[in-house]
């Protein structure tokens, strides 16, 4: 019986490690994605490359205190695609992406920091849950 309990524990730990490598849970802390996402809302994201239109978790190119290390934005153009007019049009170079917040008046995004490397995409949001309030940022 102890052998079975040990096996179940090993399987449970392995499943947890697998899930943590494939998925990321984050809490929305700002208003840059309103009205799509609200402060305090919980997101489950899968570690994967995004495609145009996806809500993605990206590394913040200005990640120093008090700036958060990750940002939640919408991927609006990838390599070879046309930039939205708000970003000046033109084509996105290979290996680069453009991101925008859904709340243009309250978002720091590619209009401010330019194009990101495609490798800056950490995960793609797959599901959203209501949260319990949050800190606007």
Protein backbone atom coordinates (compact mmCIF):
# COMPACT_ATOMS: atom_id res chain seq x y z
CA UNK A 1 0.00 0.00 0.00
CA UNK A 2 2.91 2.40 0.77
CA UNK A 3 4.29 1.71 -2.69
CA UNK A 4 0.97 2.75 -4.27
CA UNK A 5 0.83 5.94 -2.17
CA UNK A 6 4.38 6.80 -3.20
CA UNK A 7 3.53 6.20 -6.85
CA UNK A 8 0.44 8.43 -6.62
CA UNK A 9 2.54 11.17 -5.01
CA UNK A 10 5.16 10.95 -7.77
CA UNK A 11 2.46 11.12 -10.45
CA UNK A 12 0.79 14.11 -8.75
CA UNK A 13 4.09 16.00 -8.48
CA UNK A 14 4.95 15.21 -12.09
CA UNK A 15 1.53 16.48 -13.21
CA UNK A 16 2.00 19.69 -11.22
CA UNK A 17 5.45 20.29 -12.72
CA UNK A 18 4.06 19.63 -16.21
CA UNK A 19 1.14 22.05 -15.65
CA UNK A 20 3.39 24.81 -14.29
CA UNK A 21 5.65 24.54 -17.34
CA UNK A 22 2.71 24.77 -19.75
CA UNK A 23 0.36 27.19 -17.98
CA UNK A 24 0.59 30.52 -16.20
CA UNK A 25 -1.96 32.14 -13.90
CA UNK A 26 -1.92 35.93 -13.62
CA UNK A 27 -4.09 38.63 -12.05
CA UNK A 28 -4.92 41.77 -14.02
CA UNK A 29 -3.61 44.80 -12.11
CA UNK A 30 -4.26 47.72 -14.45
CA UNK A 31 -6.88 49.21 -16.72
CA UNK A 32 -5.00 49.02 -20.04
CA UNK A 33 -7.17 46.14 -21.30
CA UNK A 34 -10.57 47.52 -20.25
CA UNK A 35 -13.31 46.85 -21.18
CA UNK A 36 -12.13 43.35 -22.20
CA UNK A 37 -10.36 42.66 -18.90
CA UNK A 38 -10.93 44.25 -15.50
CA UNK A 39 -8.53 44.82 -12.58
CA UNK A 40 -8.52 41.81 -10.28
CA UNK A 41 -9.59 39.38 -12.99
CA UNK A 42 -7.67 36.09 -13.05
CA UNK A 43 -6.31 34.76 -16.33
CA UNK A 44 -5.11 31.30 -17.23
CA UNK A 45 -2.58 31.41 -20.05
CA UNK A 46 -0.81 28.66 -21.96
CA UNK A 47 2.87 29.07 -22.68
CA UNK A 48 2.82 29.36 -26.45
CA UNK A 49 3.41 31.77 -29.32
CA UNK A 50 0.54 34.11 -30.02
CA UNK A 51 -1.18 35.00 -33.26
CA UNK A 52 -2.74 38.29 -34.29
CA UNK A 53 -5.79 39.06 -32.18
CA UNK A 54 -4.71 36.95 -29.18
CA UNK A 55 -4.50 38.44 -25.71
CA UNK A 56 -0.94 37.68 -24.66
CA UNK A 57 1.31 37.96 -21.64
CA UNK A 58 4.54 39.67 -22.70
CA UNK A 59 7.76 40.65 -20.97
CA UNK A 60 7.78 44.35 -20.09
CA UNK A 61 10.71 46.00 -21.89
CA UNK A 62 10.82 48.59 -19.08
CA UNK A 63 10.61 46.11 -16.19
CA UNK A 64 12.21 47.95 -13.32
CA UNK A 65 10.63 48.80 -9.99
CA UNK A 66 7.81 49.87 -9.84
CA UNK A 67 7.03 48.58 -13.36
CA UNK A 68 5.66 45.02 -13.49
CA UNK A 69 7.81 42.35 -15.19
CA UNK A 70 4.87 41.17 -17.34
CA UNK A 71 2.17 42.98 -19.31
CA UNK A 72 -1.19 41.80 -20.65
CA UNK A 73 -1.81 43.15 -24.17
CA UNK A 74 -3.43 42.28 -27.49
CA UNK A 75 -1.07 41.05 -30.21
CA UNK A 76 -1.97 43.27 -33.19
CA UNK A 77 0.71 42.31 -35.73
CA UNK A 78 3.49 39.77 -36.16
CA UNK A 79 6.40 39.34 -38.53
CA UNK A 80 5.41 40.11 -42.13
CA UNK A 81 2.05 41.61 -41.13
CA UNK A 82 0.97 45.22 -41.55
CA UNK A 83 1.10 47.48 -38.51
CA UNK A 84 -2.14 49.22 -37.53
CA UNK A 85 -2.28 52.87 -38.62
CA UNK A 86 -1.94 53.99 -34.99
CA UNK A 87 1.55 52.44 -35.11
CA UNK A 88 2.46 54.05 -38.42
CA UNK A 89 1.56 51.30 -40.88
CA UNK A 90 4.35 49.46 -42.65
CA UNK A 91 5.36 45.83 -42.23
CA UNK A 92 6.55 44.19 -39.04
CA UNK A 93 10.02 42.68 -39.49
CA UNK A 94 10.42 38.92 -39.05
CA UNK A 95 10.81 37.91 -35.43
CA UNK A 96 9.07 41.03 -34.09
CA UNK A 97 5.53 41.77 -32.83
CA UNK A 98 3.37 44.78 -32.01
CA UNK A 99 1.04 44.88 -29.01
CA UNK A 100 -1.66 47.32 -27.95
CA UNK A 101 -3.94 47.65 -24.94
CA UNK A 102 -7.69 47.65 -25.54
CA UNK A 103 -7.92 50.94 -23.59
CA UNK A 104 -5.81 53.27 -25.74
CA UNK A 105 -5.93 56.22 -23.31
CA UNK A 106 -4.60 54.16 -20.40
CA UNK A 107 -2.20 51.69 -22.01
CA UNK A 108 1.57 51.63 -22.29
CA UNK A 109 2.23 49.47 -25.33
CA UNK A 110 3.99 49.42 -28.71
CA UNK A 111 3.01 53.07 -29.23
CA UNK A 112 5.41 53.84 -26.36
CA UNK A 113 8.09 51.15 -26.44
CA UNK A 114 7.99 50.06 -30.09
CA UNK A 115 8.08 46.52 -31.41
CA UNK A 116 8.93 43.59 -29.17
CA UNK A 117 10.80 40.43 -30.04
CA UNK A 118 8.44 37.54 -30.76
CA UNK A 119 10.26 35.66 -27.98
CA UNK A 120 8.93 38.25 -25.49
CA UNK A 121 5.54 36.50 -25.65
CA UNK A 122 5.40 34.44 -22.46
CA UNK A 123 1.91 32.97 -22.85
CA UNK A 124 -1.45 33.26 -24.61
CA UNK A 125 -4.57 33.83 -22.49
CA UNK A 126 -6.94 30.88 -22.75
CA UNK A 127 -9.54 31.61 -20.06
CA UNK A 128 -10.71 34.42 -17.80
CA UNK A 129 -12.35 34.38 -14.40
CA UNK A 130 -13.81 37.15 -12.34
CA UNK A 131 -11.53 38.45 -9.61
CA UNK A 132 -12.08 40.17 -6.31
CA UNK A 133 -11.19 43.75 -7.12
CA UNK A 134 -7.70 44.88 -7.90
CA UNK A 135 -5.25 47.70 -7.90
CA UNK A 136 -5.49 49.96 -10.92
CA UNK A 137 -2.09 50.51 -12.43
